[in-house]
């Protein structure tokens, strides 16, 4: 009856090491993507902050007053 048992084929030489290397490569790619997403997120946060400052009522009033003086109105 032992012939009926399924036996896993032997693992090819070095397959485990190749898989470990591939996992390490993929982890490096994921870390790079996380860094890129973080940089973009920080950049967009800075842009949003700048836009919010420009659209505050006091800043709009200042810019309109400056524009009116420049145009001689």
N, C-alpha and C. Protein backbone atom coordinates (compact mmCIF):
# COMPACT_ATOMS: atom_id res chain seq x y z
N UNK A 1 0.80 -1.20 0.00
CA UNK A 1 0.00 0.00 0.00
C UNK A 1 0.84 1.27 0.00
N UNK A 2 2.11 1.14 0.31
CA UNK A 2 2.94 2.33 0.31
C UNK A 2 3.05 2.93 -1.07
N UNK A 3 2.90 2.18 -2.10
CA UNK A 3 2.99 2.69 -3.46
C UNK A 3 1.83 3.63 -3.75
N UNK A 4 0.73 3.52 -2.99
CA UNK A 4 -0.43 4.38 -3.21
C UNK A 4 -0.23 5.78 -2.62
N UNK A 5 0.69 5.92 -1.70
CA UNK A 5 0.93 7.23 -1.09
C UNK A 5 1.56 8.18 -2.11
N UNK A 6 1.09 9.43 -2.03
CA UNK A 6 1.70 10.44 -2.89
C UNK A 6 2.97 10.94 -2.23
N UNK A 7 4.00 11.04 -2.99
CA UNK A 7 5.28 11.53 -2.49
C UNK A 7 5.56 12.83 -3.21
N UNK A 8 5.85 13.86 -2.42
CA UNK A 8 6.19 15.14 -3.03
C UNK A 8 7.50 14.98 -3.80
N UNK A 9 7.52 15.53 -5.00
CA UNK A 9 8.77 15.45 -5.76
C UNK A 9 9.85 16.27 -5.05
N UNK A 10 11.08 15.86 -5.16
CA UNK A 10 12.14 16.63 -4.50
C UNK A 10 12.21 18.04 -5.07
N UNK A 11 12.52 18.98 -4.21
CA UNK A 11 12.63 20.38 -4.61
C UNK A 11 13.88 20.55 -5.46
N UNK A 12 13.77 21.23 -6.60
CA UNK A 12 14.95 21.44 -7.43
C UNK A 12 16.04 22.17 -6.63
N UNK A 13 17.26 21.86 -6.96
CA UNK A 13 18.39 22.45 -6.26
C UNK A 13 18.33 23.97 -6.35
N UNK A 14 18.36 24.65 -5.21
CA UNK A 14 18.42 26.10 -5.17
C UNK A 14 17.08 26.81 -5.32
N UNK A 15 15.99 26.07 -5.47
CA UNK A 15 14.69 26.72 -5.66
C UNK A 15 14.32 27.57 -4.45
N UNK A 16 14.59 27.06 -3.28
CA UNK A 16 14.27 27.79 -2.06
C UNK A 16 15.06 29.10 -1.99
N UNK A 17 16.33 29.04 -2.34
CA UNK A 17 17.16 30.24 -2.32
C UNK A 17 16.69 31.26 -3.36
N UNK A 18 16.27 30.76 -4.53
CA UNK A 18 15.77 31.67 -5.56
C UNK A 18 14.48 32.34 -5.11
N UNK A 19 13.63 31.58 -4.44
CA UNK A 19 12.38 32.17 -3.93
C UNK A 19 12.67 33.22 -2.86
N UNK A 20 13.61 32.91 -1.97
CA UNK A 20 13.98 33.89 -0.95
C UNK A 20 14.53 35.16 -1.58
N UNK A 21 15.36 35.02 -2.59
CA UNK A 21 15.93 36.18 -3.29
C UNK A 21 14.82 36.98 -3.95
N UNK A 22 13.87 36.30 -4.58
CA UNK A 22 12.76 37.00 -5.25
C UNK A 22 11.90 37.74 -4.24
N UNK A 23 11.64 37.13 -3.09
CA UNK A 23 10.86 37.79 -2.04
C UNK A 23 11.59 39.05 -1.57
N UNK A 24 12.90 38.95 -1.40
CA UNK A 24 13.68 40.12 -0.97
C UNK A 24 13.60 41.23 -2.02
N UNK A 25 13.68 40.86 -3.29
CA UNK A 25 13.56 41.85 -4.37
C UNK A 25 12.19 42.52 -4.34
N UNK A 26 11.15 41.72 -4.18
CA UNK A 26 9.80 42.27 -4.13
C UNK A 26 9.60 43.16 -2.92
N UNK A 27 10.17 42.79 -1.79
CA UNK A 27 10.09 43.65 -0.60
C UNK A 27 10.76 44.98 -0.85
N UNK A 28 11.88 44.98 -1.56
CA UNK A 28 12.57 46.23 -1.89
C UNK A 28 11.70 47.09 -2.81
N UNK A 29 11.02 46.46 -3.76
CA UNK A 29 10.12 47.20 -4.65
C UNK A 29 8.98 47.81 -3.86
N UNK A 30 8.39 47.04 -2.96
CA UNK A 30 7.28 47.55 -2.15
C UNK A 30 7.75 48.72 -1.28
N UNK A 31 8.93 48.60 -0.69
CA UNK A 31 9.46 49.71 0.13
C UNK A 31 9.66 50.95 -0.72
N UNK A 32 10.17 50.77 -1.94
CA UNK A 32 10.34 51.91 -2.84
C UNK A 32 9.01 52.56 -3.18
N UNK A 33 8.00 51.75 -3.43
CA UNK A 33 6.67 52.29 -3.72
C UNK A 33 6.09 53.03 -2.51
N UNK A 34 6.30 52.47 -1.33
CA UNK A 34 5.83 53.15 -0.12
C UNK A 34 6.51 54.50 0.04
N UNK A 35 7.80 54.56 -0.21
CA UNK A 35 8.53 55.82 -0.12
C UNK A 35 8.00 56.83 -1.14
N UNK A 36 7.75 56.37 -2.36
CA UNK A 36 7.24 57.26 -3.40
C UNK A 36 5.86 57.78 -3.04
N UNK A 37 5.00 56.92 -2.52
CA UNK A 37 3.66 57.35 -2.11
C UNK A 37 3.76 58.37 -0.97
N UNK A 38 4.65 58.12 -0.03
CA UNK A 38 4.84 59.05 1.08
C UNK A 38 5.32 60.41 0.58
N UNK A 39 6.29 60.42 -0.35
CA UNK A 39 6.78 61.70 -0.90
C UNK A 39 5.67 62.46 -1.61
N UNK A 40 4.90 61.74 -2.43
CA UNK A 40 3.81 62.40 -3.16
C UNK A 40 2.75 62.92 -2.19
N UNK A 41 2.46 62.15 -1.16
CA UNK A 41 1.48 62.58 -0.17
C UNK A 41 1.94 63.86 0.52
N UNK A 42 3.22 63.91 0.89
CA UNK A 42 3.75 65.13 1.53
C UNK A 42 3.72 66.32 0.57
N UNK A 43 4.03 66.07 -0.70
CA UNK A 43 4.02 67.14 -1.70
C UNK A 43 2.59 67.69 -1.88
N UNK A 44 1.63 66.79 -1.99
CA UNK A 44 0.24 67.23 -2.13
C UNK A 44 -0.24 67.96 -0.88
N UNK A 45 0.16 67.49 0.29
CA UNK A 45 -0.19 68.18 1.53
C UNK A 45 0.33 69.62 1.52
N UNK A 46 1.57 69.80 1.06
CA UNK A 46 2.15 71.14 0.98
C UNK A 46 1.38 72.01 -0.01
N UNK A 47 1.01 71.44 -1.16
CA UNK A 47 0.24 72.20 -2.15
C UNK A 47 -1.13 72.60 -1.59
N UNK A 48 -1.78 71.68 -0.92
CA UNK A 48 -3.09 71.98 -0.34
C UNK A 48 -2.97 73.07 0.72
N UNK A 49 -1.93 72.98 1.56
CA UNK A 49 -1.72 74.02 2.57
C UNK A 49 -1.53 75.39 1.92
N UNK A 50 -0.73 75.43 0.84
CA UNK A 50 -0.49 76.70 0.14
C UNK A 50 -1.78 77.25 -0.45
N UNK A 51 -2.58 76.38 -1.04
CA UNK A 51 -3.86 76.83 -1.61
C UNK A 51 -4.82 77.32 -0.52
N UNK A 52 -4.83 76.64 0.62
CA UNK A 52 -5.69 77.07 1.71
C UNK A 52 -5.27 78.44 2.22
N UNK A 53 -3.96 78.67 2.31
CA UNK A 53 -3.49 79.99 2.76
C UNK A 53 -3.90 81.07 1.78
N UNK A 54 -3.78 80.78 0.48
CA UNK A 54 -4.12 81.77 -0.54
C UNK A 54 -5.61 82.08 -0.58
N UNK A 55 -6.44 81.17 -0.11
CA UNK A 55 -7.89 81.40 -0.18
C UNK A 55 -8.49 81.83 1.15
N UNK A 56 -7.66 82.13 2.13
CA UNK A 56 -8.19 82.68 3.38
C UNK A 56 -8.69 84.09 3.11
N UNK A 57 -9.78 84.50 3.74
CA UNK A 57 -10.35 85.83 3.48
C UNK A 57 -9.35 86.97 3.61
N UNK A 58 -8.52 86.95 4.63
CA UNK A 58 -7.55 88.03 4.80
C UNK A 58 -6.55 88.06 3.64
N UNK A 59 -6.13 86.92 3.17
CA UNK A 59 -5.18 86.86 2.06
C UNK A 59 -5.82 87.31 0.77
N UNK A 60 -7.09 86.94 0.56
CA UNK A 60 -7.80 87.39 -0.64
C UNK A 60 -7.95 88.90 -0.61
N UNK A 61 -8.33 89.46 0.54
CA UNK A 61 -8.48 90.91 0.67
C UNK A 61 -7.14 91.61 0.40
N UNK A 62 -6.06 91.07 0.94
CA UNK A 62 -4.75 91.67 0.72
C UNK A 62 -4.38 91.65 -0.76
N UNK A 63 -4.60 90.51 -1.42
CA UNK A 63 -4.27 90.38 -2.84
C UNK A 63 -5.13 91.30 -3.70
N UNK A 64 -6.41 91.43 -3.37
CA UNK A 64 -7.28 92.33 -4.13
C UNK A 64 -6.86 93.78 -3.94
N UNK A 65 -6.51 94.15 -2.70
CA UNK A 65 -6.05 95.51 -2.43
C UNK A 65 -4.76 95.81 -3.19
N UNK A 66 -3.84 94.88 -3.19
CA UNK A 66 -2.58 95.05 -3.91
C UNK A 66 -2.83 95.19 -5.41
N UNK A 67 -3.73 94.37 -5.94
CA UNK A 67 -4.07 94.43 -7.36
C UNK A 67 -4.71 95.78 -7.70
N UNK A 68 -5.60 96.25 -6.84
CA UNK A 68 -6.27 97.55 -7.08
C UNK A 68 -5.26 98.68 -7.07
N UNK A 69 -4.32 98.66 -6.14
CA UNK A 69 -3.27 99.72 -6.09
C UNK A 69 -2.41 99.66 -7.35
N UNK A 70 -2.06 98.47 -7.77
CA UNK A 70 -1.20 98.29 -8.93
C UNK A 70 -1.91 98.80 -10.20
N UNK A 71 -3.22 98.62 -10.27
CA UNK A 71 -3.98 99.05 -11.44
C UNK A 71 -4.44 100.50 -11.33
N UNK A 72 -4.22 101.11 -10.16
CA UNK A 72 -4.61 102.50 -9.98
C UNK A 72 -6.10 102.67 -9.77
N UNK A 73 -6.74 101.66 -9.20
CA UNK A 73 -8.19 101.76 -8.98
C UNK A 73 -8.50 102.35 -7.63
